[in-house]
Amino acid sequence: MGVLYRIALVLVIIGAINWGLIGFFRFDLVAYLFGGQTAVLSRWIYALVGIAGLISIPILMKRLDEEDDVITDTNTRNYSNPNYSMEAGEEADFTDVPKTEKKNGASKKK
């Protein structure tokens, strides 16, 4: 991820926190810190957060596993052929084990 996308993502997170504060507590942190909603500095912050939101749109379309394609080790993930075995090793085969009777008195009738 490039530096521009990281900066944009930080600004989007700041904007999301500000909107959360507005939604939950009716408190606009940007307006409080920079002199009200109509102050020039506040309007610049709002504009930068909006532009950062637009710049962050391609992050949604980006593949999340790009780093996995670079590695050519044998332990890389292969999503086309999943392995459903246990991590500890082979599963035990219990088909040859005889079933035991229940120990409560209801199963034995005399």
N, C-alpha and C. Protein backbone atom coordinates (compact mmCIF):
# COMPACT_ATOMS: atom_id res chain seq x y z
N MET A 1 0.86 -1.16 0.00
CA MET A 1 0.00 0.00 0.00
C MET A 1 0.91 1.23 0.00
N GLY A 2 0.61 2.17 -0.88
CA GLY A 2 1.44 3.35 -1.00
C GLY A 2 1.23 4.34 0.13
N VAL A 3 2.13 5.30 0.18
CA VAL A 3 2.07 6.32 1.23
C VAL A 3 0.79 7.14 1.11
N LEU A 4 0.40 7.46 -0.13
CA LEU A 4 -0.82 8.25 -0.35
C LEU A 4 -2.04 7.53 0.21
N TYR A 5 -2.13 6.23 -0.02
CA TYR A 5 -3.27 5.46 0.49
C TYR A 5 -3.25 5.37 2.02
N ARG A 6 -2.07 5.29 2.59
CA ARG A 6 -1.99 5.25 4.06
C ARG A 6 -2.44 6.58 4.67
N ILE A 7 -2.01 7.68 4.09
CA ILE A 7 -2.44 9.00 4.59
C ILE A 7 -3.94 9.15 4.41
N ALA A 8 -4.45 8.74 3.26
CA ALA A 8 -5.88 8.82 3.01
C ALA A 8 -6.66 7.96 4.00
N LEU A 9 -6.14 6.78 4.29
CA LEU A 9 -6.82 5.90 5.23
C LEU A 9 -6.84 6.49 6.64
N VAL A 10 -5.75 7.14 7.05
CA VAL A 10 -5.71 7.80 8.36
C VAL A 10 -6.75 8.92 8.42
N LEU A 11 -6.84 9.71 7.35
CA LEU A 11 -7.83 10.79 7.32
C LEU A 11 -9.26 10.25 7.33
N VAL A 12 -9.48 9.14 6.64
CA VAL A 12 -10.82 8.53 6.65
C VAL A 12 -11.16 8.03 8.05
N ILE A 13 -10.19 7.46 8.75
CA ILE A 13 -10.43 7.00 10.13
C ILE A 13 -10.73 8.18 11.03
N ILE A 14 -10.01 9.28 10.87
CA ILE A 14 -10.29 10.49 11.66
C ILE A 14 -11.71 10.98 11.37
N GLY A 15 -12.09 10.98 10.11
CA GLY A 15 -13.45 11.38 9.76
C GLY A 15 -14.51 10.46 10.34
N ALA A 16 -14.21 9.16 10.34
CA ALA A 16 -15.17 8.19 10.90
C ALA A 16 -15.32 8.39 12.40
N ILE A 17 -14.21 8.65 13.07
CA ILE A 17 -14.29 8.91 14.52
C ILE A 17 -15.10 10.18 14.78
N ASN A 18 -14.88 11.21 13.98
CA ASN A 18 -15.62 12.45 14.14
C ASN A 18 -17.12 12.22 13.91
N TRP A 19 -17.47 11.46 12.86
CA TRP A 19 -18.88 11.17 12.61
C TRP A 19 -19.48 10.32 13.74
N GLY A 20 -18.70 9.43 14.29
CA GLY A 20 -19.19 8.64 15.43
C GLY A 20 -19.48 9.52 16.63
N LEU A 21 -18.59 10.48 16.89
CA LEU A 21 -18.83 11.42 18.00
C LEU A 21 -20.06 12.27 17.75
N ILE A 22 -20.26 12.67 16.49
CA ILE A 22 -21.45 13.46 16.17
C ILE A 22 -22.70 12.60 16.35
N GLY A 23 -22.66 11.38 15.89
CA GLY A 23 -23.83 10.51 15.97
C GLY A 23 -24.20 10.11 17.39
N PHE A 24 -23.20 9.81 18.20
CA PHE A 24 -23.49 9.33 19.55
C PHE A 24 -23.65 10.46 20.57
N PHE A 25 -22.85 11.50 20.44
CA PHE A 25 -22.81 12.51 21.49
C PHE A 25 -23.13 13.93 21.03
N ARG A 26 -23.45 14.10 19.73
CA ARG A 26 -23.69 15.43 19.16
C ARG A 26 -22.50 16.36 19.43
N PHE A 27 -21.30 15.83 19.29
CA PHE A 27 -20.08 16.59 19.53
C PHE A 27 -19.20 16.50 18.30
N ASP A 28 -18.96 17.65 17.67
CA ASP A 28 -18.11 17.72 16.48
C ASP A 28 -16.71 18.09 16.92
N LEU A 29 -15.81 17.11 16.96
CA LEU A 29 -14.45 17.31 17.44
C LEU A 29 -13.66 18.26 16.54
N VAL A 30 -13.83 18.13 15.23
CA VAL A 30 -13.11 19.01 14.30
C VAL A 30 -13.54 20.45 14.50
N ALA A 31 -14.82 20.69 14.62
CA ALA A 31 -15.32 22.06 14.83
C ALA A 31 -14.85 22.59 16.18
N TYR A 32 -14.81 21.73 17.18
CA TYR A 32 -14.36 22.15 18.51
C TYR A 32 -12.88 22.53 18.50
N LEU A 33 -12.06 21.75 17.81
CA LEU A 33 -10.63 22.00 17.80
C LEU A 33 -10.22 23.17 16.90
N PHE A 34 -10.97 23.40 15.83
CA PHE A 34 -10.53 24.37 14.84
C PHE A 34 -11.45 25.57 14.69
N GLY A 35 -12.32 25.84 15.65
CA GLY A 35 -13.07 27.09 15.67
C GLY A 35 -14.44 27.08 15.05
N GLY A 36 -15.14 25.99 15.08
CA GLY A 36 -16.51 25.93 14.56
C GLY A 36 -16.57 25.36 13.16
N GLN A 37 -17.79 25.00 12.75
CA GLN A 37 -17.96 24.36 11.44
C GLN A 37 -17.72 25.32 10.28
N THR A 38 -17.92 26.60 10.49
CA THR A 38 -17.75 27.55 9.40
C THR A 38 -16.34 28.14 9.34
N ALA A 39 -15.48 27.79 10.28
CA ALA A 39 -14.11 28.29 10.26
C ALA A 39 -13.36 27.71 9.06
N VAL A 40 -12.45 28.49 8.52
CA VAL A 40 -11.73 28.08 7.32
C VAL A 40 -10.93 26.80 7.55
N LEU A 41 -10.27 26.70 8.70
CA LEU A 41 -9.46 25.52 8.98
C LEU A 41 -10.33 24.26 9.12
N SER A 42 -11.48 24.41 9.74
CA SER A 42 -12.41 23.28 9.86
C SER A 42 -12.89 22.83 8.48
N ARG A 43 -13.19 23.77 7.64
CA ARG A 43 -13.66 23.43 6.29
C ARG A 43 -12.56 22.74 5.50
N TRP A 44 -11.30 23.13 5.70
CA TRP A 44 -10.18 22.46 5.04
C TRP A 44 -10.06 21.02 5.52
N ILE A 45 -10.23 20.81 6.83
CA ILE A 45 -10.16 19.44 7.37
C ILE A 45 -11.29 18.59 6.79
N TYR A 46 -12.51 19.15 6.76
CA TYR A 46 -13.64 18.41 6.19
C TYR A 46 -13.38 18.07 4.72
N ALA A 47 -12.81 19.01 3.97
CA ALA A 47 -12.51 18.77 2.55
C ALA A 47 -11.44 17.70 2.39
N LEU A 48 -10.40 17.74 3.22
CA LEU A 48 -9.34 16.73 3.13
C LEU A 48 -9.87 15.33 3.46
N VAL A 49 -10.75 15.25 4.45
CA VAL A 49 -11.33 13.95 4.81
C VAL A 49 -12.20 13.44 3.66
N GLY A 50 -12.94 14.34 3.02
CA GLY A 50 -13.76 13.94 1.87
C GLY A 50 -12.92 13.45 0.70
N ILE A 51 -11.84 14.17 0.40
CA ILE A 51 -10.94 13.75 -0.68
C ILE A 51 -10.28 12.42 -0.32
N ALA A 52 -9.91 12.26 0.95
CA ALA A 52 -9.30 10.99 1.39
C ALA A 52 -10.28 9.84 1.21
N GLY A 53 -11.56 10.09 1.45
CA GLY A 53 -12.56 9.05 1.22
C GLY A 53 -12.62 8.64 -0.24
N LEU A 54 -12.53 9.60 -1.13
CA LEU A 54 -12.54 9.29 -2.56
C LEU A 54 -11.27 8.54 -2.98
N ILE A 55 -10.14 8.94 -2.41
CA ILE A 55 -8.88 8.27 -2.74
C ILE A 55 -8.88 6.83 -2.21
N SER A 56 -9.59 6.58 -1.13
CA SER A 56 -9.60 5.25 -0.50
C SER A 56 -10.52 4.25 -1.20
N ILE A 57 -11.30 4.69 -2.15
CA ILE A 57 -12.22 3.77 -2.85
C ILE A 57 -11.48 2.61 -3.51
N PRO A 58 -10.33 2.83 -4.18
CA PRO A 58 -9.64 1.67 -4.79
C PRO A 58 -9.16 0.62 -3.79
N ILE A 59 -9.03 0.99 -2.52
CA ILE A 59 -8.62 0.01 -1.52
C ILE A 59 -9.68 -1.09 -1.40
N LEU A 60 -10.94 -0.75 -1.64
CA LEU A 60 -12.00 -1.75 -1.60
C LEU A 60 -11.86 -2.77 -2.73
N MET A 61 -11.35 -2.33 -3.86
CA MET A 61 -11.24 -3.21 -5.01
C MET A 61 -9.93 -4.01 -5.03
N LYS A 62 -8.99 -3.65 -4.18
CA LYS A 62 -7.68 -4.27 -4.16
C LYS A 62 -7.77 -5.67 -3.56
N ARG A 63 -7.00 -6.61 -4.10
CA ARG A 63 -6.96 -7.96 -3.55
C ARG A 63 -6.28 -7.94 -2.20
N LEU A 64 -6.81 -8.66 -1.24
CA LEU A 64 -6.26 -8.67 0.10
C LEU A 64 -5.07 -9.60 0.24
N ASP A 65 -4.90 -10.55 -0.67
CA ASP A 65 -3.82 -11.53 -0.53
C ASP A 65 -2.72 -11.32 -1.56
N GLU A 66 -2.40 -10.07 -1.88
CA GLU A 66 -1.35 -9.81 -2.87
C GLU A 66 0.01 -10.29 -2.39
N GLU A 67 0.30 -10.19 -1.11
CA GLU A 67 1.59 -10.63 -0.59
C GLU A 67 1.77 -12.13 -0.73
N ASP A 68 0.70 -12.91 -0.71
CA ASP A 68 0.79 -14.36 -0.84
C ASP A 68 1.27 -14.78 -2.22
N ASP A 69 1.02 -13.98 -3.25
CA ASP A 69 1.43 -14.33 -4.60
C ASP A 69 2.94 -14.18 -4.79
N VAL A 70 3.59 -13.33 -4.03
CA VAL A 70 5.02 -13.07 -4.19
C VAL A 70 5.83 -14.24 -3.66
N ILE A 71 5.41 -14.86 -2.59
CA ILE A 71 6.15 -15.95 -1.95
C ILE A 71 5.97 -17.22 -2.77
N THR A 72 7.07 -17.89 -3.07
CA THR A 72 6.99 -19.14 -3.84
C THR A 72 7.40 -20.33 -2.99
N ASP A 73 7.26 -20.23 -1.68
CA ASP A 73 7.61 -21.31 -0.77
C ASP A 73 6.56 -22.42 -0.88
N THR A 74 6.88 -23.58 -0.38
CA THR A 74 5.93 -24.70 -0.44
C THR A 74 4.82 -24.56 0.58
N ASN A 75 4.96 -23.68 1.54
CA ASN A 75 3.94 -23.51 2.58
C ASN A 75 2.96 -22.40 2.26
N THR A 76 2.92 -21.93 1.04
CA THR A 76 1.99 -20.86 0.69
C THR A 76 0.58 -21.40 0.62
N ARG A 77 -0.35 -20.52 0.69
CA ARG A 77 -1.75 -20.92 0.64
C ARG A 77 -2.15 -21.25 -0.78
N ASN A 78 -2.92 -22.28 -0.94
CA ASN A 78 -3.46 -22.65 -2.22
C ASN A 78 -4.97 -22.72 -2.06
N TYR A 79 -5.66 -21.68 -2.50
CA TYR A 79 -7.10 -21.59 -2.27
C TYR A 79 -7.90 -22.46 -3.24
N SER A 80 -7.28 -22.91 -4.33
CA SER A 80 -8.03 -23.71 -5.28
C SER A 80 -8.19 -25.15 -4.83
N ASN A 81 -7.29 -25.64 -3.95
CA ASN A 81 -7.36 -27.01 -3.48
C ASN A 81 -7.23 -27.01 -1.95
N PRO A 82 -8.31 -26.74 -1.23
CA PRO A 82 -8.20 -26.66 0.23
C PRO A 82 -7.97 -28.03 0.85
N ASN A 83 -7.27 -28.04 1.98
CA ASN A 83 -6.98 -29.26 2.71
C ASN A 83 -7.78 -29.23 4.00
N TYR A 84 -8.68 -30.17 4.17
CA TYR A 84 -9.57 -30.17 5.33
C TYR A 84 -9.09 -31.11 6.43
N SER A 85 -7.84 -31.51 6.41
CA SER A 85 -7.35 -32.41 7.45
C SER A 85 -7.02 -31.64 8.72
N MET A 86 -6.77 -32.38 9.79
CA MET A 86 -6.44 -31.75 11.06
C MET A 86 -5.05 -31.16 11.01
N GLU A 87 -4.80 -30.14 11.83
CA GLU A 87 -3.48 -29.54 11.90
C GLU A 87 -2.50 -30.46 12.63
N ALA A 88 -2.99 -31.28 13.55
CA ALA A 88 -2.12 -32.13 14.36
C ALA A 88 -1.63 -33.35 13.58
N GLY A 89 -2.23 -33.70 12.50
CA GLY A 89 -1.80 -34.86 11.73
C GLY A 89 -3.01 -35.63 11.23
N GLU A 90 -2.80 -36.90 10.99
CA GLU A 90 -3.88 -37.74 10.47
C GLU A 90 -4.95 -37.96 11.53
N GLU A 91 -6.18 -38.05 11.08
CA GLU A 91 -7.28 -38.35 11.99
C GLU A 91 -7.33 -39.85 12.22
N ALA A 92 -7.70 -40.23 13.42
CA ALA A 92 -7.79 -41.65 13.76
C ALA A 92 -9.03 -42.27 13.14
N ASP A 93 -8.91 -43.54 12.74
CA ASP A 93 -10.02 -44.26 12.16
C ASP A 93 -10.63 -45.14 13.25
N PHE A 94 -11.84 -44.81 13.69
CA PHE A 94 -12.50 -45.53 14.78
C PHE A 94 -13.56 -46.50 14.28
N THR A 95 -13.51 -46.90 13.03
CA THR A 95 -14.53 -47.82 12.51
C THR A 95 -14.35 -49.23 13.04
N ASP A 96 -13.14 -49.63 13.42
CA ASP A 96 -12.89 -50.99 13.91
C ASP A 96 -13.06 -51.12 15.42
N VAL A 97 -13.27 -50.05 16.12
CA VAL A 97 -13.40 -50.09 17.58
C VAL A 97 -14.82 -50.55 17.92
N PRO A 98 -14.95 -51.58 18.77
CA PRO A 98 -16.30 -52.06 19.13
C PRO A 98 -17.03 -51.03 19.99
N LYS A 99 -18.32 -50.95 19.78
CA LYS A 99 -19.13 -50.02 20.55
C LYS A 99 -19.38 -50.58 21.93
N THR A 100 -19.37 -49.72 22.93
CA THR A 100 -19.62 -50.15 24.31
C THR A 100 -21.09 -49.96 24.63
N GLU A 101 -21.56 -50.77 25.57
CA GLU A 101 -22.96 -50.66 25.98
C GLU A 101 -23.11 -49.50 26.95
N LYS A 102 -24.33 -48.98 27.01
CA LYS A 102 -24.61 -47.90 27.95
C LYS A 102 -24.59 -48.45 29.36
N LYS A 103 -24.15 -47.64 30.31
CA LYS A 103 -23.98 -48.11 31.68
C LYS A 103 -25.22 -47.88 32.55
N ASN A 104 -26.22 -47.21 32.04
CA ASN A 104 -27.39 -47.01 32.89
C ASN A 104 -28.28 -48.27 32.88
N GLY A 105 -29.14 -48.40 33.86
CA GLY A 105 -29.96 -49.59 34.04
C GLY A 105 -31.04 -49.75 32.99
N ALA A 106 -31.37 -48.71 32.26
CA ALA A 106 -32.46 -48.78 31.29
C ALA A 106 -32.08 -49.60 30.07
N SER A 107 -30.78 -49.69 29.76
CA SER A 107 -30.39 -50.42 28.55
C SER A 107 -30.38 -51.94 28.78
N LYS A 108 -30.28 -52.41 30.03
CA LYS A 108 -30.27 -53.84 30.31
C LYS A 108 -31.64 -54.26 30.83
N LYS A 109 -32.30 -55.15 30.11
CA LYS A 109 -33.60 -55.65 30.55
C LYS A 109 -33.45 -57.11 30.92
N LYS A 110 -34.02 -57.52 32.06
CA LYS A 110 -33.94 -58.93 32.49
C LYS A 110 -35.27 -59.60 32.42
